[in-house]
N, C-alpha and C. Protein backbone atom coordinates (compact mmCIF):
# COMPACT_ATOMS: atom_id res chain seq x y z
N MET A 1 94.83 -35.82 5.86
CA MET A 1 96.05 -36.59 6.02
C MET A 1 97.22 -35.61 6.14
N ASP A 2 98.21 -36.01 6.90
CA ASP A 2 99.37 -35.16 7.15
C ASP A 2 100.15 -34.93 5.85
N PRO A 3 100.39 -33.68 5.49
CA PRO A 3 101.11 -33.40 4.24
C PRO A 3 102.52 -33.96 4.20
N ARG A 4 103.15 -34.10 5.36
CA ARG A 4 104.51 -34.66 5.38
C ARG A 4 104.52 -36.12 4.97
N ILE A 5 103.49 -36.85 5.38
CA ILE A 5 103.39 -38.26 4.99
C ILE A 5 103.16 -38.37 3.49
N LEU A 6 102.27 -37.53 2.96
CA LEU A 6 102.01 -37.55 1.52
C LEU A 6 103.24 -37.14 0.73
N ARG A 7 103.97 -36.15 1.22
CA ARG A 7 105.18 -35.72 0.53
C ARG A 7 106.23 -36.83 0.51
N GLY A 8 106.38 -37.52 1.64
CA GLY A 8 107.32 -38.63 1.71
C GLY A 8 106.91 -39.77 0.79
N GLY A 9 105.62 -40.09 0.78
CA GLY A 9 105.13 -41.13 -0.12
C GLY A 9 105.32 -40.76 -1.57
N PHE A 10 105.10 -39.49 -1.89
CA PHE A 10 105.29 -39.04 -3.27
C PHE A 10 106.75 -39.15 -3.68
N ARG A 11 107.65 -38.84 -2.78
CA ARG A 11 109.09 -38.95 -3.09
C ARG A 11 109.48 -40.40 -3.34
N ILE A 12 108.95 -41.31 -2.53
CA ILE A 12 109.23 -42.74 -2.73
C ILE A 12 108.67 -43.21 -4.06
N ALA A 13 107.45 -42.78 -4.38
CA ALA A 13 106.82 -43.18 -5.64
C ALA A 13 107.61 -42.67 -6.84
N VAL A 14 108.06 -41.43 -6.78
CA VAL A 14 108.85 -40.87 -7.88
C VAL A 14 110.19 -41.59 -8.00
N LEU A 15 110.77 -41.98 -6.87
CA LEU A 15 112.02 -42.74 -6.90
C LEU A 15 111.83 -44.09 -7.59
N ILE A 16 110.76 -44.80 -7.24
CA ILE A 16 110.48 -46.09 -7.88
C ILE A 16 110.24 -45.92 -9.37
N LEU A 17 109.39 -44.97 -9.72
CA LEU A 17 109.07 -44.74 -11.13
C LEU A 17 110.29 -44.27 -11.91
N GLY A 18 111.05 -43.34 -11.35
CA GLY A 18 112.23 -42.82 -12.04
C GLY A 18 113.30 -43.87 -12.25
N ALA A 19 113.53 -44.69 -11.23
CA ALA A 19 114.54 -45.75 -11.35
C ALA A 19 114.13 -46.77 -12.41
N ALA A 20 112.85 -47.12 -12.43
CA ALA A 20 112.38 -48.09 -13.42
C ALA A 20 112.50 -47.53 -14.84
N LEU A 21 112.13 -46.26 -15.00
CA LEU A 21 112.22 -45.66 -16.34
C LEU A 21 113.67 -45.44 -16.77
N LEU A 22 114.55 -45.21 -15.81
CA LEU A 22 115.97 -45.02 -16.13
C LEU A 22 116.62 -46.33 -16.55
N ILE A 23 116.25 -47.43 -15.91
CA ILE A 23 116.85 -48.73 -16.19
C ILE A 23 116.26 -49.37 -17.45
N PHE A 24 115.01 -49.07 -17.77
CA PHE A 24 114.28 -49.75 -18.84
C PHE A 24 115.02 -49.82 -20.18
N PRO A 25 115.62 -48.74 -20.68
CA PRO A 25 116.26 -48.84 -22.01
C PRO A 25 117.47 -49.78 -22.06
N PHE A 26 118.04 -50.09 -20.91
CA PHE A 26 119.24 -50.92 -20.88
C PHE A 26 118.95 -52.40 -20.66
N GLU A 27 117.70 -52.75 -20.53
CA GLU A 27 117.31 -54.15 -20.33
C GLU A 27 117.22 -54.86 -21.68
N PRO A 28 117.63 -56.13 -21.76
CA PRO A 28 117.49 -56.87 -23.00
C PRO A 28 116.01 -57.10 -23.33
N ALA A 29 115.67 -56.97 -24.58
CA ALA A 29 114.27 -57.10 -25.01
C ALA A 29 113.76 -58.51 -24.74
N GLY A 30 112.57 -58.59 -24.14
CA GLY A 30 111.94 -59.87 -23.89
C GLY A 30 112.48 -60.63 -22.70
N SER A 31 113.35 -60.03 -21.92
CA SER A 31 113.94 -60.75 -20.79
C SER A 31 113.06 -60.58 -19.55
N ALA A 32 113.33 -61.41 -18.55
CA ALA A 32 112.59 -61.33 -17.29
C ALA A 32 112.87 -60.00 -16.59
N GLU A 33 114.08 -59.48 -16.75
CA GLU A 33 114.43 -58.21 -16.13
C GLU A 33 113.58 -57.08 -16.69
N GLN A 34 113.34 -57.12 -17.99
CA GLN A 34 112.52 -56.08 -18.61
C GLN A 34 111.08 -56.14 -18.09
N ILE A 35 110.55 -57.33 -17.90
CA ILE A 35 109.19 -57.48 -17.39
C ILE A 35 109.10 -56.95 -15.96
N VAL A 36 110.09 -57.26 -15.15
CA VAL A 36 110.10 -56.76 -13.77
C VAL A 36 110.22 -55.24 -13.75
N THR A 37 111.00 -54.68 -14.65
CA THR A 37 111.16 -53.23 -14.73
C THR A 37 109.85 -52.57 -15.14
N VAL A 38 109.14 -53.15 -16.09
CA VAL A 38 107.84 -52.62 -16.50
C VAL A 38 106.84 -52.71 -15.35
N MET A 39 106.88 -53.82 -14.61
CA MET A 39 105.99 -53.95 -13.45
C MET A 39 106.32 -52.91 -12.38
N ALA A 40 107.60 -52.65 -12.15
CA ALA A 40 108.00 -51.63 -11.18
C ALA A 40 107.54 -50.25 -11.62
N ALA A 41 107.64 -49.96 -12.92
CA ALA A 41 107.17 -48.67 -13.44
C ALA A 41 105.66 -48.55 -13.26
N ALA A 42 104.93 -49.64 -13.48
CA ALA A 42 103.47 -49.62 -13.29
C ALA A 42 103.11 -49.39 -11.83
N VAL A 43 103.82 -50.05 -10.93
CA VAL A 43 103.56 -49.85 -9.50
C VAL A 43 103.90 -48.41 -9.09
N GLY A 44 105.01 -47.90 -9.57
CA GLY A 44 105.39 -46.52 -9.27
C GLY A 44 104.38 -45.52 -9.82
N GLY A 45 103.90 -45.75 -11.04
CA GLY A 45 102.89 -44.87 -11.63
C GLY A 45 101.57 -44.92 -10.88
N ALA A 46 101.17 -46.13 -10.46
CA ALA A 46 99.94 -46.26 -9.68
C ALA A 46 100.09 -45.59 -8.32
N PHE A 47 101.27 -45.70 -7.74
CA PHE A 47 101.55 -45.07 -6.45
C PHE A 47 101.47 -43.55 -6.58
N VAL A 48 102.07 -42.99 -7.63
CA VAL A 48 102.01 -41.54 -7.86
C VAL A 48 100.55 -41.11 -8.06
N GLY A 49 99.81 -41.87 -8.87
CA GLY A 49 98.41 -41.54 -9.11
C GLY A 49 97.56 -41.63 -7.85
N GLY A 50 97.82 -42.64 -7.03
CA GLY A 50 97.07 -42.79 -5.78
C GLY A 50 97.34 -41.64 -4.82
N ILE A 51 98.57 -41.23 -4.72
CA ILE A 51 98.90 -40.11 -3.84
C ILE A 51 98.30 -38.82 -4.36
N ALA A 52 98.34 -38.62 -5.68
CA ALA A 52 97.72 -37.43 -6.26
C ALA A 52 96.22 -37.42 -5.99
N LEU A 53 95.58 -38.57 -6.07
CA LEU A 53 94.16 -38.67 -5.78
C LEU A 53 93.87 -38.37 -4.30
N LEU A 54 94.71 -38.88 -3.40
CA LEU A 54 94.54 -38.59 -1.98
C LEU A 54 94.69 -37.10 -1.69
N VAL A 55 95.64 -36.46 -2.33
CA VAL A 55 95.84 -35.03 -2.13
C VAL A 55 94.65 -34.26 -2.67
N ARG A 56 94.17 -34.66 -3.83
CA ARG A 56 93.03 -33.97 -4.46
C ARG A 56 91.76 -34.10 -3.62
N LEU A 57 91.50 -35.30 -3.10
CA LEU A 57 90.30 -35.52 -2.31
C LEU A 57 90.43 -34.98 -0.89
N GLY A 58 91.64 -34.88 -0.39
CA GLY A 58 91.86 -34.43 0.97
C GLY A 58 91.78 -32.93 1.17
N ASN A 59 91.96 -32.17 0.11
CA ASN A 59 91.93 -30.72 0.23
C ASN A 59 90.52 -30.20 0.07
N ALA A 60 90.18 -29.19 0.86
CA ALA A 60 88.87 -28.57 0.75
C ALA A 60 88.77 -27.79 -0.55
N PRO A 61 87.60 -27.74 -1.16
CA PRO A 61 87.45 -26.95 -2.38
C PRO A 61 87.63 -25.46 -2.09
N LEU A 62 88.06 -24.73 -3.08
CA LEU A 62 88.23 -23.29 -2.92
C LEU A 62 86.88 -22.62 -2.79
N PRO A 63 86.79 -21.55 -2.00
CA PRO A 63 85.50 -20.86 -1.85
C PRO A 63 85.11 -20.18 -3.15
N HIS A 64 83.81 -20.05 -3.33
CA HIS A 64 83.29 -19.39 -4.53
C HIS A 64 83.56 -17.89 -4.45
N ASP A 65 84.04 -17.32 -5.52
CA ASP A 65 84.34 -15.89 -5.58
C ASP A 65 83.06 -15.14 -5.94
N SER A 66 82.50 -14.44 -4.97
CA SER A 66 81.24 -13.74 -5.21
C SER A 66 81.45 -12.25 -5.42
N THR A 67 82.68 -11.82 -5.65
CA THR A 67 82.92 -10.39 -5.87
C THR A 67 82.40 -9.98 -7.23
N GLU A 68 82.09 -8.72 -7.35
CA GLU A 68 81.55 -8.19 -8.61
C GLU A 68 82.67 -8.09 -9.64
N ARG A 69 82.42 -8.59 -10.82
CA ARG A 69 83.41 -8.54 -11.89
C ARG A 69 83.35 -7.18 -12.58
N LYS A 70 84.50 -6.63 -12.85
CA LYS A 70 84.59 -5.35 -13.54
C LYS A 70 85.16 -5.58 -14.93
N GLY A 71 84.66 -4.83 -15.89
CA GLY A 71 85.16 -4.92 -17.25
C GLY A 71 86.45 -4.15 -17.40
N TYR A 72 86.95 -4.08 -18.61
CA TYR A 72 88.21 -3.37 -18.85
C TYR A 72 88.09 -1.88 -18.62
N ASN A 73 86.90 -1.32 -18.84
CA ASN A 73 86.75 0.12 -18.68
C ASN A 73 86.39 0.51 -17.26
N GLY A 74 86.31 -0.44 -16.33
CA GLY A 74 86.07 -0.12 -14.94
C GLY A 74 84.61 -0.12 -14.55
N ARG A 75 83.71 -0.19 -15.52
CA ARG A 75 82.28 -0.23 -15.18
C ARG A 75 81.88 -1.66 -14.85
N SER A 76 80.87 -1.80 -14.06
CA SER A 76 80.39 -3.11 -13.68
C SER A 76 79.72 -3.77 -14.87
N THR A 77 79.88 -5.09 -14.96
CA THR A 77 79.25 -5.82 -16.05
C THR A 77 77.78 -6.10 -15.76
N THR A 78 77.33 -5.80 -14.53
CA THR A 78 75.93 -6.04 -14.18
C THR A 78 75.07 -4.79 -14.37
N GLU A 79 75.67 -3.67 -14.77
CA GLU A 79 74.91 -2.45 -14.98
C GLU A 79 74.07 -2.56 -16.25
N GLY A 80 73.01 -1.80 -16.31
CA GLY A 80 72.16 -1.80 -17.51
C GLY A 80 72.90 -1.23 -18.70
N ARG A 81 72.53 -1.66 -19.87
CA ARG A 81 73.26 -1.20 -21.07
C ARG A 81 72.45 -0.27 -21.88
């Protein structure tokens, strides 16, 4: 998937989540506005999680490092002891 689309979606998701979390403390307890704000925060969080999952699944895994590991003293760890 195009990284620009994912970046734009992530920005929108963070905007929704951030706005909901910013407004939440100022809502009256138990009001309809507070419920809508919590729902918006849940949608924003799910959106952030979905985009993170798409990015994680869309990227190829890193190649395995097959180079020989050296110890602190410079000798190979695979040498006989």
